[in-house]
C-alpha atoms as a PDB file:
ATOM      1  CA  MET A   1       3.713 245.390-131.463  1.00  0.00           C
ATOM      2  CA  THR A   2       3.035 248.794-129.984  1.00  0.00           C
ATOM      3  CA  ALA A   3      -0.283 250.206-131.138  1.00  0.00           C
ATOM      4  CA  ALA A   4      -0.428 253.362-133.236  1.00  0.00           C
ATOM      5  CA  GLY A   5      -1.534 256.279-131.080  1.00  0.00           C
ATOM      6  CA  THR A   6       0.385 255.101-128.016  1.00  0.00           C
ATOM      7  CA  VAL A   7       2.050 258.092-126.327  1.00  0.00           C
ATOM      8  CA  PHE A   8       5.230 257.891-124.245  1.00  0.00           C
ATOM      9  CA  ALA A   9       5.886 260.492-121.539  1.00  0.00           C
ATOM     10  CA  GLU A  10       2.905 262.547-122.772  1.00  0.00           C
ATOM     11  CA  ARG A  11       5.050 263.624-125.722  1.00  0.00           C
ATOM     12  CA  TRP A  12       6.217 260.873-128.088  1.00  0.00           C
ATOM     13  CA  GLU A  13       3.389 259.387-130.161  1.00  0.00           C
ATOM     14  CA  VAL A  14       3.689 256.113-132.098  1.00  0.00           C
ATOM     15  CA  VAL A  15       2.547 256.596-135.706  1.00  0.00           C
ATOM     16  CA  ALA A  16       3.515 253.505-137.753  1.00  0.00           C
ATOM     17  CA  PRO A  17       5.981 250.584-137.702  1.00  0.00           C
ATOM     18  CA  LEU A  18       9.305 251.016-139.522  1.00  0.00           C
ATOM     19  CA  ALA A  19      11.441 247.974-138.724  1.00  0.00           C
ATOM     20  CA  SER A  20      11.808 245.018-136.388  1.00  0.00           C
ATOM     21  CA  GLY A  21      14.960 243.417-135.026  1.00  0.00           C
ATOM     22  CA  SER A  22      16.011 240.695-132.623  1.00  0.00           C
ATOM     23  CA  THR A  23      15.702 242.902-129.534  1.00  0.00           C
ATOM     24  CA  SER A  24      13.590 245.898-130.509  1.00  0.00           C
ATOM     25  CA  GLU A  25      10.985 247.370-132.835  1.00  0.00           C
ATOM     26  CA  VAL A  26      11.288 250.774-134.460  1.00  0.00           C
ATOM     27  CA  TYR A  27       8.358 253.042-135.232  1.00  0.00           C
ATOM     28  CA  ARG A  28       7.853 256.340-136.970  1.00  0.00           C
ATOM     29  CA  GLY A  29       6.762 258.707-134.251  1.00  0.00           C
ATOM     30  CA  LEU A  30       5.688 262.288-133.613  1.00  0.00           C
ATOM     31  CA  ASP A  31       7.068 264.771-131.109  1.00  0.00           C
ATOM     32  CA  ARG A  32       3.838 266.365-129.905  1.00  0.00           C
ATOM     33  CA  HIS A  33       5.735 269.365-128.499  1.00  0.00           C
ATOM     34  CA  SER A  34       7.506 270.364-131.716  1.00  0.00           C
ATOM     35  CA  GLY A  35       5.537 268.529-134.398  1.00  0.00           C
ATOM     36  CA  ASP A  36       8.755 266.885-135.636  1.00  0.00           C
ATOM     37  CA  ALA A  37       8.853 263.333-136.948  1.00  0.00           C
ATOM     38  CA  VAL A  38      11.024 261.042-134.814  1.00  0.00           C
ATOM     39  CA  ALA A  39      11.999 257.396-134.539  1.00  0.00           C
ATOM     40  CA  LEU A  40      10.759 255.472-131.511  1.00  0.00           C
ATOM     41  CA  LYS A  41      12.702 252.340-130.577  1.00  0.00           C
ATOM     42  CA  VAL A  42      10.830 249.958-128.259  1.00  0.00           C
ATOM     43  CA  LEU A  43      12.233 246.896-126.516  1.00  0.00           C
ATOM     44  CA  ARG A  44      10.430 243.783-127.715  1.00  0.00           C
ATOM     45  CA  ALA A  45       7.642 242.659-125.398  1.00  0.00           C
ATOM     46  CA  ASP A  46       9.132 239.172-124.999  1.00  0.00           C
ATOM     47  CA  LEU A  47      12.295 240.765-123.546  1.00  0.00           C
ATOM     48  CA  ALA A  48      10.549 243.171-121.184  1.00  0.00           C
ATOM     49  CA  SER A  49      11.074 240.802-118.248  1.00  0.00           C
ATOM     50  CA  ASN A  50      14.692 240.039-119.186  1.00  0.00           C
ATOM     51  CA  ALA A  51      16.706 242.128-116.712  1.00  0.00           C
ATOM     52  CA  GLU A  52      19.916 242.096-118.744  1.00  0.00           C
ATOM     53  CA  ALA A  53      18.195 243.024-122.017  1.00  0.00           C
ATOM     54  CA  LEU A  54      16.339 245.837-120.242  1.00  0.00           C
ATOM     55  CA  GLN A  55      19.532 247.211-118.691  1.00  0.00           C
ATOM     56  CA  ARG A  56      21.363 247.171-122.005  1.00  0.00           C
ATOM     57  CA  PHE A  57      18.465 248.923-123.715  1.00  0.00           C
ATOM     58  CA  GLN A  58      18.373 251.599-121.015  1.00  0.00           C
ATOM     59  CA  ARG A  59      22.141 251.937-121.244  1.00  0.00           C
ATOM     60  CA  GLU A  60      21.828 252.681-124.962  1.00  0.00           C
ATOM     61  CA  GLY A  61      19.551 255.617-124.218  1.00  0.00           C
ATOM     62  CA  ARG A  62      21.597 256.897-121.307  1.00  0.00           C
ATOM     63  CA  VAL A  63      24.947 256.679-123.128  1.00  0.00           C
ATOM     64  CA  ALA A  64      23.692 258.249-126.358  1.00  0.00           C
ATOM     65  CA  LEU A  65      22.231 261.181-124.424  1.00  0.00           C
ATOM     66  CA  LYS A  66      25.778 262.005-123.323  1.00  0.00           C
ATOM     67  CA  LEU A  67      27.041 262.306-126.888  1.00  0.00           C
ATOM     68  CA  SER A  68      26.449 265.228-129.216  1.00  0.00           C
ATOM     69  CA  HIS A  69      28.073 264.856-132.619  1.00  0.00           C
ATOM     70  CA  PRO A  70      26.996 265.279-136.260  1.00  0.00           C
ATOM     71  CA  HIS A  71      27.840 261.626-136.958  1.00  0.00           C
ATOM     72  CA  ILE A  72      26.158 260.028-133.937  1.00  0.00           C
ATOM     73  CA  VAL A  73      22.415 259.455-133.984  1.00  0.00           C
ATOM     74  CA  GLU A  74      20.714 261.985-131.712  1.00  0.00           C
ATOM     75  CA  VAL A  75      18.782 260.447-128.826  1.00  0.00           C
ATOM     76  CA  ARG A  76      16.262 262.878-127.376  1.00  0.00           C
ATOM     77  CA  ASP A  77      14.638 260.966-124.531  1.00  0.00           C
ATOM     78  CA  PHE A  78      14.134 257.484-123.105  1.00  0.00           C
ATOM     79  CA  GLY A  79      11.989 255.849-120.491  1.00  0.00           C
ATOM     80  CA  SER A  80       9.396 253.166-119.785  1.00  0.00           C
ATOM     81  CA  HIS A  81       5.682 252.991-120.545  1.00  0.00           C
ATOM     82  CA  GLU A  82       3.452 250.288-119.057  1.00  0.00           C
ATOM     83  CA  GLY A  83       6.413 247.962-118.749  1.00  0.00           C
ATOM     84  CA  HIS A  84       7.843 248.701-122.201  1.00  0.00           C
ATOM     85  CA  ALA A  85      11.180 250.476-122.484  1.00  0.00           C
ATOM     86  CA  TRP A  86      11.484 253.062-125.275  1.00  0.00           C
ATOM     87  CA  ILE A  87      13.985 255.479-126.798  1.00  0.00           C
ATOM     88  CA  ALA A  88      13.048 258.583-128.816  1.00  0.00           C
ATOM     89  CA  MET A  89      15.643 259.598-131.403  1.00  0.00           C
ATOM     90  CA  GLU A  90      16.017 261.545-134.613  1.00  0.00           C
ATOM     91  CA  LEU A  91      14.371 259.956-137.634  1.00  0.00           C
ATOM     92  CA  LEU A  92      16.945 258.960-140.254  1.00  0.00           C
ATOM     93  CA  GLU A  93      16.164 258.434-143.925  1.00  0.00           C
ATOM     94  CA  GLY A  94      18.425 256.008-145.788  1.00  0.00           C
ATOM     95  CA  ASP A  95      19.810 252.573-144.969  1.00  0.00           C
ATOM     96  CA  THR A  96      22.560 250.898-142.974  1.00  0.00           C
ATOM     97  CA  LEU A  97      26.051 250.469-144.375  1.00  0.00           C
ATOM     98  CA  GLU A  98      25.445 246.717-144.183  1.00  0.00           C
ATOM     99  CA  ALA A  99      22.792 247.057-146.876  1.00  0.00           C
ATOM    100  CA  HIS A 100      25.335 248.777-149.147  1.00  0.00           C
ATOM    101  CA  LEU A 101      27.973 246.047-148.866  1.00  0.00           C
ATOM    102  CA  GLY A 102      26.146 243.964-151.457  1.00  0.00           C
ATOM    103  CA  ASP A 103      26.207 246.807-153.980  1.00  0.00           C
ATOM    104  CA  ALA A 104      28.853 247.262-156.643  1.00  0.00           C
ATOM    105  CA  ARG A 105      32.187 248.388-155.166  1.00  0.00           C
ATOM    106  CA  MET A 106      31.737 251.729-153.473  1.00  0.00           C
ATOM    107  CA  PRO A 107      33.692 254.668-154.963  1.00  0.00           C
ATOM    108  CA  ARG A 108      36.987 255.175-153.161  1.00  0.00           C
ATOM    109  CA  GLU A 109      36.188 258.743-152.109  1.00  0.00           C
ATOM    110  CA  SER A 110      32.931 257.526-150.564  1.00  0.00           C
ATOM    111  CA  VAL A 111      34.827 254.871-148.590  1.00  0.00           C
ATOM    112  CA  LEU A 112      37.290 257.470-147.296  1.00  0.00           C
ATOM    113  CA  ALA A 113      34.456 259.836-146.358  1.00  0.00           C
ATOM    114  CA  ILE A 114      32.619 257.098-144.453  1.00  0.00           C
ATOM    115  CA  VAL A 115      35.757 256.048-142.561  1.00  0.00           C
ATOM    116  CA  GLU A 116      36.534 259.664-141.655  1.00  0.00           C
ATOM    117  CA  GLN A 117      33.014 260.373-140.434  1.00  0.00           C
ATOM    118  CA  VAL A 118      32.810 257.187-138.353  1.00  0.00           C
ATOM    119  CA  ALA A 119      36.273 257.972-136.972  1.00  0.00           C
ATOM    120  CA  ALA A 120      35.140 261.427-135.853  1.00  0.00           C
ATOM    121  CA  ALA A 121      32.120 259.900-134.093  1.00  0.00           C
ATOM    122  CA  VAL A 122      34.257 257.223-132.441  1.00  0.00           C
ATOM    123  CA  ASP A 123      36.778 259.768-131.154  1.00  0.00           C
ATOM    124  CA  CYS A 124      33.938 261.865-129.731  1.00  0.00           C
ATOM    125  CA  ALA A 125      32.618 258.815-127.864  1.00  0.00           C
ATOM    126  CA  HIS A 126      36.095 257.939-126.590  1.00  0.00           C
ATOM    127  CA  ALA A 127      36.618 261.508-125.358  1.00  0.00           C
ATOM    128  CA  ALA A 128      33.421 261.030-123.337  1.00  0.00           C
ATOM    129  CA  GLY A 129      34.716 257.775-121.858  1.00  0.00           C
ATOM    130  CA  VAL A 130      32.554 255.518-124.044  1.00  0.00           C
ATOM    131  CA  VAL A 131      33.751 252.442-125.967  1.00  0.00           C
ATOM    132  CA  HIS A 132      31.145 251.302-128.499  1.00  0.00           C
ATOM    133  CA  ARG A 133      32.160 247.578-128.524  1.00  0.00           C
ATOM    134  CA  ASP A 134      29.831 246.709-131.419  1.00  0.00           C
ATOM    135  CA  LEU A 135      31.001 248.880-134.285  1.00  0.00           C
ATOM    136  CA  LYS A 136      29.923 247.197-137.535  1.00  0.00           C
ATOM    137  CA  PRO A 137      28.267 248.099-140.868  1.00  0.00           C
ATOM    138  CA  ASP A 138      24.805 247.400-139.441  1.00  0.00           C
ATOM    139  CA  ASN A 139      25.433 250.107-136.812  1.00  0.00           C
ATOM    140  CA  VAL A 140      26.519 252.729-139.353  1.00  0.00           C
ATOM    141  CA  PHE A 141      23.584 254.456-141.063  1.00  0.00           C
ATOM    142  CA  VAL A 142      24.081 255.990-144.514  1.00  0.00           C
ATOM    143  CA  LEU A 143      21.762 258.961-144.913  1.00  0.00           C
ATOM    144  CA  ALA A 144      19.826 259.411-148.134  1.00  0.00           C
ATOM    145  CA  GLY A 145      21.125 262.182-150.391  1.00  0.00           C
ATOM    146  CA  ASP A 146      23.809 263.004-152.915  1.00  0.00           C
ATOM    147  CA  ALA A 147      26.575 263.697-150.389  1.00  0.00           C
ATOM    148  CA  VAL A 148      27.944 260.835-148.283  1.00  0.00           C
ATOM    149  CA  ARG A 149      26.837 261.289-144.669  1.00  0.00           C
ATOM    150  CA  VAL A 150      26.704 258.633-141.977  1.00  0.00           C
ATOM    151  CA  LYS A 151      25.593 258.299-138.360  1.00  0.00           C
ATOM    152  CA  VAL A 152      26.816 255.755-135.804  1.00  0.00           C
ATOM    153  CA  LEU A 153      23.988 253.861-134.077  1.00  0.00           C
ATOM    154  CA  ASP A 154      23.332 251.544-131.150  1.00  0.00           C
ATOM    155  CA  PHE A 155      25.368 252.032-127.991  1.00  0.00           C
ATOM    156  CA  GLY A 156      23.637 249.124-126.250  1.00  0.00           C
ATOM    157  CA  PHE A 157      26.914 247.241-125.767  1.00  0.00           C
ATOM    158  CA  ALA A 158      28.903 250.357-124.915  1.00  0.00           C
ATOM    159  CA  LYS A 159      31.424 250.231-122.107  1.00  0.00           C
ATOM    160  CA  LEU A 160      31.692 253.236-119.797  1.00  0.00           C
ATOM    161  CA  LEU A 161      35.307 253.889-118.882  1.00  0.00           C
ATOM    162  CA  ASN A 162      34.390 256.286-116.072  1.00  0.00           C
ATOM    163  CA  LEU A 163      33.299 253.958-113.259  1.00  0.00           C
ATOM    164  CA  LEU A 164      31.293 256.772-111.670  1.00  0.00           C
ATOM    165  CA  GLU A 165      28.987 256.603-114.685  1.00  0.00           C
ATOM    166  CA  ALA A 166      28.513 252.821-114.525  1.00  0.00           C
ATOM    167  CA  ASP A 167      24.987 251.472-114.123  1.00  0.00           C
ATOM    168  CA  GLY A 168      25.791 248.298-112.218  1.00  0.00           C
ATOM    169  CA  LEU A 169      25.639 246.106-115.316  1.00  0.00           C
ATOM    170  CA  LYS A 170      28.686 243.871-115.140  1.00  0.00           C
ATOM    171  CA  THR A 171      30.331 242.072-118.030  1.00  0.00           C
ATOM    172  CA  ALA A 172      31.691 238.639-117.203  1.00  0.00           C
ATOM    173  CA  ALA A 173      35.293 238.088-118.250  1.00  0.00           C
ATOM    174  CA  ASN A 174      34.221 235.289-120.595  1.00  0.00           C
ATOM    175  CA  ALA A 175      31.168 237.090-122.031  1.00  0.00           C
ATOM    176  CA  LEU A 176      31.128 237.518-125.791  1.00  0.00           C
ATOM    177  CA  LEU A 177      29.710 240.956-126.581  1.00  0.00           C
ATOM    178  CA  GLY A 178      29.652 242.308-130.098  1.00  0.00           C
ATOM    179  CA  THR A 179      29.498 240.893-133.610  1.00  0.00           C
ATOM    180  CA  PRO A 180      32.292 238.307-134.041  1.00  0.00           C
ATOM    181  CA  LEU A 181      33.579 239.391-137.468  1.00  0.00           C
ATOM    182  CA  TYR A 182      34.348 242.914-136.214  1.00  0.00           C
ATOM    183  CA  MET A 183      35.647 242.015-132.747  1.00  0.00           C
ATOM    184  CA  ALA A 184      39.232 242.828-131.789  1.00  0.00           C
ATOM    185  CA  PRO A 185      41.425 239.953-130.552  1.00  0.00           C
ATOM    186  CA  GLU A 186      41.398 241.319-127.006  1.00  0.00           C
ATOM    187  CA  GLN A 187      37.591 241.501-127.135  1.00  0.00           C
ATOM    188  CA  VAL A 188      37.463 237.844-128.200  1.00  0.00           C
ATOM    189  CA  ARG A 189      39.507 237.022-125.101  1.00  0.00           C
ATOM    190  CA  SER A 190      37.531 239.188-122.672  1.00  0.00           C
ATOM    191  CA  SER A 191      34.819 241.766-123.375  1.00  0.00           C
ATOM    192  CA  SER A 192      35.144 243.176-119.869  1.00  0.00           C
ATOM    193  CA  THR A 193      38.673 244.513-120.335  1.00  0.00           C
ATOM    194  CA  VAL A 194      38.484 246.228-123.729  1.00  0.00           C
ATOM    195  CA  ASP A 195      39.414 249.878-124.179  1.00  0.00           C
ATOM    196  CA  PRO A 196      39.020 252.357-127.079  1.00  0.00           C
ATOM    197  CA  ARG A 197      41.571 250.480-129.189  1.00  0.00           C
ATOM    198  CA  ALA A 198      39.025 247.708-129.744  1.00  0.00           C
ATOM    199  CA  ASP A 199      36.833 250.170-131.659  1.00  0.00           C
ATOM    200  CA  LEU A 200      39.843 251.073-133.824  1.00  0.00           C
ATOM    201  CA  TRP A 201      40.213 247.424-134.840  1.00  0.00           C
ATOM    202  CA  SER A 202      36.502 247.262-135.704  1.00  0.00           C
ATOM    203  CA  LEU A 203      36.785 250.379-137.840  1.00  0.00           C
ATOM    204  CA  GLY A 204      39.810 248.833-139.552  1.00  0.00           C
ATOM    205  CA  VAL A 205      37.803 245.724-140.450  1.00  0.00           C
ATOM    206  CA  ILE A 206      34.953 247.865-141.812  1.00  0.00           C
ATOM    207  CA  ALA A 207      37.382 249.887-143.947  1.00  0.00           C
ATOM    208  CA  TYR A 208      39.106 246.723-145.211  1.00  0.00           C
ATOM    209  CA  GLU A 209      35.752 245.282-146.251  1.00  0.00           C
ATOM    210  CA  LEU A 210      34.699 248.491-148.016  1.00  0.00           C
ATOM    211  CA  LEU A 211      38.007 248.767-149.876  1.00  0.00           C
ATOM    212  CA  THR A 212      38.359 245.158-151.020  1.00  0.00           C
ATOM    213  CA  GLY A 213      34.784 243.882-151.118  1.00  0.00           C
ATOM    214  CA  ALA A 214      35.784 241.007-148.818  1.00  0.00           C
ATOM    215  CA  ALA A 215      36.175 240.524-145.084  1.00  0.00           C
ATOM    216  CA  PRO A 216      39.673 239.821-143.688  1.00  0.00           C
ATOM    217  CA  PHE A 217      38.353 236.629-142.071  1.00  0.00           C
ATOM    218  CA  ASP A 218      36.096 234.167-143.867  1.00  0.00           C
ATOM    219  CA  ALA A 219      35.295 231.303-141.492  1.00  0.00           C
ATOM    220  CA  LYS A 220      31.582 230.466-141.370  1.00  0.00           C
ATOM    221  CA  ALA A 221      31.314 228.919-137.904  1.00  0.00           C
ATOM    222  CA  THR A 222      31.634 231.352-134.994  1.00  0.00           C
ATOM    223  CA  ALA A 223      34.240 229.258-133.182  1.00  0.00           C
ATOM    224  CA  ASP A 224      36.414 229.031-136.307  1.00  0.00           C
ATOM    225  CA  LEU A 225      36.006 232.765-136.916  1.00  0.00           C
ATOM    226  CA  LEU A 226      37.207 233.592-133.409  1.00  0.00           C
ATOM    227  CA  VAL A 227      40.261 231.387-133.912  1.00  0.00           C
ATOM    228  CA  GLU A 228      41.028 233.201-137.181  1.00  0.00           C
ATOM    229  CA  ILE A 229      40.772 236.600-135.459  1.00  0.00           C
ATOM    230  CA  LEU A 230      43.274 235.422-132.852  1.00  0.00           C
ATOM    231  CA  THR A 231      45.727 233.637-135.150  1.00  0.00           C
ATOM    232  CA  LYS A 232      45.190 234.058-138.918  1.00  0.00           C
ATOM    233  CA  ARG A 233      47.425 236.373-140.936  1.00  0.00           C
ATOM    234  CA  VAL A 234      45.261 239.110-142.411  1.00  0.00           C
ATOM    235  CA  PRO A 235      45.551 238.961-146.233  1.00  0.00           C
ATOM    236  CA  PRO A 236      47.121 242.200-147.536  1.00  0.00           C
ATOM    237  CA  PRO A 237      44.397 244.207-149.290  1.00  0.00           C
ATOM    238  CA  THR A 238      46.337 244.155-152.568  1.00  0.00           C
ATOM    239  CA  THR A 239      46.083 240.355-152.681  1.00  0.00           C
ATOM    240  CA  VAL A 240      42.303 240.775-152.752  1.00  0.00           C
ATOM    241  CA  ASP A 241      42.237 243.815-155.026  1.00  0.00           C
ATOM    242  CA  PRO A 242      45.485 244.309-156.996  1.00  0.00           C
ATOM    243  CA  THR A 243      44.381 247.784-158.088  1.00  0.00           C
ATOM    244  CA  LEU A 244      44.946 249.109-154.569  1.00  0.00           C
ATOM    245  CA  PRO A 245      48.293 250.796-153.873  1.00  0.00           C
ATOM    246  CA  ALA A 246      50.891 248.946-151.764  1.00  0.00           C
ATOM    247  CA  SER A 247      50.621 251.721-149.177  1.00  0.00           C
ATOM    248  CA  VAL A 248      47.178 250.373-148.246  1.00  0.00           C
ATOM    249  CA  ASP A 249      48.845 247.105-147.191  1.00  0.00           C
ATOM    250  CA  ARG A 250      51.032 249.054-144.769  1.00  0.00           C
ATOM    251  CA  TRP A 251      47.969 250.838-143.439  1.00  0.00           C
ATOM    252  CA  ALA A 252      46.122 247.522-142.927  1.00  0.00           C
ATOM    253  CA  ARG A 253      49.041 245.982-141.037  1.00  0.00           C
ATOM    254  CA  ARG A 254      48.800 248.722-138.438  1.00  0.00           C
ATOM    255  CA  ALA A 255      45.008 249.061-138.374  1.00  0.00           C
ATOM    256  CA  LEU A 256      44.622 245.286-137.850  1.00  0.00           C
ATOM    257  CA  GLU A 257      47.588 244.835-135.540  1.00  0.00           C
ATOM    258  CA  ARG A 258      46.799 242.184-132.915  1.00  0.00           C
ATOM    259  CA  ASP A 259      48.938 244.027-130.376  1.00  0.00           C
ATOM    260  CA  ALA A 260      46.656 246.915-129.421  1.00  0.00           C
ATOM    261  CA  GLU A 261      49.657 249.005-128.382  1.00  0.00           C
ATOM    262  CA  ARG A 262      50.858 249.079-131.999  1.00  0.00           C
ATOM    263  CA  ARG A 263      47.621 250.260-133.586  1.00  0.00           C
ATOM    264  CA  PHE A 264      46.862 253.850-134.498  1.00  0.00           C
ATOM    265  CA  ALA A 265      46.605 256.232-131.556  1.00  0.00           C
ATOM    266  CA  ASN A 266      42.998 257.151-132.309  1.00  0.00           C
ATOM    267  CA  ALA A 267      40.350 256.807-134.996  1.00  0.00           C
ATOM    268  CA  THR A 268      41.130 260.135-136.648  1.00  0.00           C
ATOM    269  CA  GLU A 269      44.766 259.087-137.108  1.00  0.00           C
ATOM    270  CA  LEU A 270      43.563 255.799-138.640  1.00  0.00           C
ATOM    271  CA  ALA A 271      41.328 257.644-141.108  1.00  0.00           C
ATOM    272  CA  LEU A 272      43.984 260.206-142.066  1.00  0.00           C
ATOM    273  CA  ALA A 273      46.541 257.441-142.596  1.00  0.00           C
ATOM    274  CA  LEU A 274      44.145 255.657-144.941  1.00  0.00           C
ATOM    275  CA  ARG A 275      43.626 258.823-146.978  1.00  0.00           C
ATOM    276  CA  ARG A 276      47.399 259.337-147.034  1.00  0.00           C
ATOM    277  CA  ALA A 277      47.789 255.845-148.500  1.00  0.00           C
ATOM    278  CA  PHE A 278      45.890 257.073-151.567  1.00  0.00           C
ATOM    279  CA  ASP A 279      46.823 260.753-151.698  1.00  0.00           C
ATOM    280  CA  PRO A 280      49.477 262.182-149.314  1.00  0.00           C
ATOM    281  CA  ASP A 281      48.806 265.792-150.341  1.00  0.00           C
ATOM    282  CA  GLU A 282      45.067 265.525-149.723  1.00  0.00           C
ATOM    283  CA  ALA A 283      45.792 263.807-146.384  1.00  0.00           C
ATOM    284  CA  VAL A 284      47.735 266.883-145.259  1.00  0.00           C
ATOM    285  CA  ARG A 285      44.799 269.115-146.159  1.00  0.00           C
ATOM    286  CA  ALA A 286      42.400 266.748-144.384  1.00  0.00           C
ATOM    287  CA  ALA A 287      44.551 266.811-141.237  1.00  0.00           C
ATOM    288  CA  LEU A 288      44.552 270.605-141.195  1.00  0.00           C
ATOM    289  CA  ARG A 289      40.767 270.864-141.515  1.00  0.00           C
ATOM    290  CA  THR A 290      39.980 268.034-139.081  1.00  0.00           C
ATOM    291  CA  GLN A 291      38.469 269.360-135.877  1.00  0.00           C
ATOM    292  CA  PRO A 292      37.765 267.168-132.850  1.00  0.00           C
ATOM    293  CA  TYR A 293      34.210 267.288-131.550  1.00  0.00           C
ATOM    294  CA  PRO A 294      33.942 267.616-127.767  1.00  0.00           C
ATOM    295  CA  ALA A 295      31.354 265.602-125.865  1.00  0.00           C
ATOM    296  CA  LYS A 296      29.210 268.637-125.108  1.00  0.00           C
ATOM    297  CA  ARG A 297      26.986 267.142-122.443  1.00  0.00           C
ATOM    298  CA  VAL A 298      29.567 265.363-120.334  1.00  0.00           C
ATOM    299  CA  ALA A 299      30.823 268.295-118.277  1.00  0.00           C
ATOM    300  CA  ARG A 300      27.482 268.982-116.660  1.00  0.00           C
ATOM    301  CA  GLU A 301      26.838 265.328-115.784  1.00  0.00           C
ATOM    302  CA  GLY A 302      29.639 264.786-113.327  1.00  0.00           C
ATOM    303  CA  VAL A 303      32.867 264.521-115.350  1.00  0.00           C
ATOM    304  CA  PRO A 304      35.258 267.309-114.238  1.00  0.00           C
ATOM    305  CA  ARG A 305      35.563 270.110-116.781  1.00  0.00           C
ATOM    306  CA  TRP A 306      39.344 269.968-116.602  1.00  0.00           C
ATOM    307  CA  LEU A 307      39.205 266.332-117.740  1.00  0.00           C
ATOM    308  CA  VAL A 308      37.007 267.197-120.721  1.00  0.00           C
ATOM    309  CA  ALA A 309      39.327 270.079-121.623  1.00  0.00           C
ATOM    310  CA  LEU A 310      42.352 267.797-121.337  1.00  0.00           C
ATOM    311  CA  ALA A 311      40.762 265.239-123.676  1.00  0.00           C
ATOM    312  CA  ILE A 312      39.939 267.934-126.242  1.00  0.00           C
ATOM    313  CA  ALA A 313      43.457 269.387-126.030  1.00  0.00           C
ATOM    314  CA  ALA A 314      44.929 265.922-126.551  1.00  0.00           C
ATOM    315  CA  LEU A 315      42.825 265.396-129.683  1.00  0.00           C
ATOM    316  CA  VAL A 316      43.897 268.772-131.086  1.00  0.00           C
ATOM    317  CA  ALA A 317      47.549 267.945-130.414  1.00  0.00           C
ATOM    318  CA  LEU A 318      47.198 264.585-132.133  1.00  0.00           C
ATOM    319  CA  ALA A 319      45.609 266.183-135.217  1.00  0.00           C
ATOM    320  CA  VAL A 320      48.438 268.711-135.460  1.00  0.00           C
ATOM    321  CA  ALA A 321      51.061 265.998-134.978  1.00  0.00           C
ATOM    322  CA  ALA A 322      49.419 263.893-137.674  1.00  0.00           C
ATOM    323  CA  SER A 323      49.578 266.777-140.137  1.00  0.00           C
ATOM    324  CA  ARG A 324      53.288 267.229-139.438  1.00  0.00           C
ATOM    325  CA  VAL A 325      53.997 263.555-139.922  1.00  0.00           C
ATOM    326  CA  LEU A 326      52.064 263.516-143.164  1.00  0.00           C
ATOM    327  CA  ARG A 327      54.223 266.382-144.491  1.00  0.00           C
ATOM    328  CA  SER A 328      57.440 264.487-143.751  1.00  0.00           C
END
């Protein structure tokens, strides 16, 4: 445990413990410069000498600093203090989406809102050359309040597509990174070769689980679960919940397509297609008001501005194309 009163970088003061996980501890903290409350995430002391754990923790801070989006947790600083790695981030009030899965079935509009918000965050990360690789309900935080608002957390397993941004941390071809239930088939085969389409599969599994109240794969042992991901036919959502429209089955077939080439082009398209499955007219309106969020900090950290502009233009074109398709 990190003692209350400990100060990182002469700015971030530990106030009280909030939570503890398998790799880190989270504390309520204070930004001495602004007086704002913050969350301070500290790598567990027993992992401080583990080089791989330390690199992944530092990667989380470095990657998140590159991303600026309303639905991605804001990381403000990171570093090391007396051998303990730490990350300072915005303090969130609420609970993870994982904690809500045990509740009564979530209202359909809330499910659609969550999928759309996570999709926007995922597309922002992809535009910045970042693949999350561990998208799951425990890494989606539902903010307290009447309106549904979520933030994507934990980029510790993120893959950087721009090799110039790599930190030297290599992923072995046979390494298993991520949470098995939400891993794409290609990620099961090799975590080192995944691209943004793996995150689309993960988002599809999350949406399926929110809509039906059940996961598409139900094996208990990890080995059996991985086999199911690679080979088992995904049950159509209507076989789990007959009240769902048949159009959701068509959506699920594409969202959870084992051939990555045949999945949706991006997360926003996946989310709009799901809304269309319930209400085509509202999906058209959603497509028209959907705006891609650029990765604001990337251009000044080495990625050419023309490449950022090209990525943003591509996202705009895809949103417009989606709206036209939805009208047809």
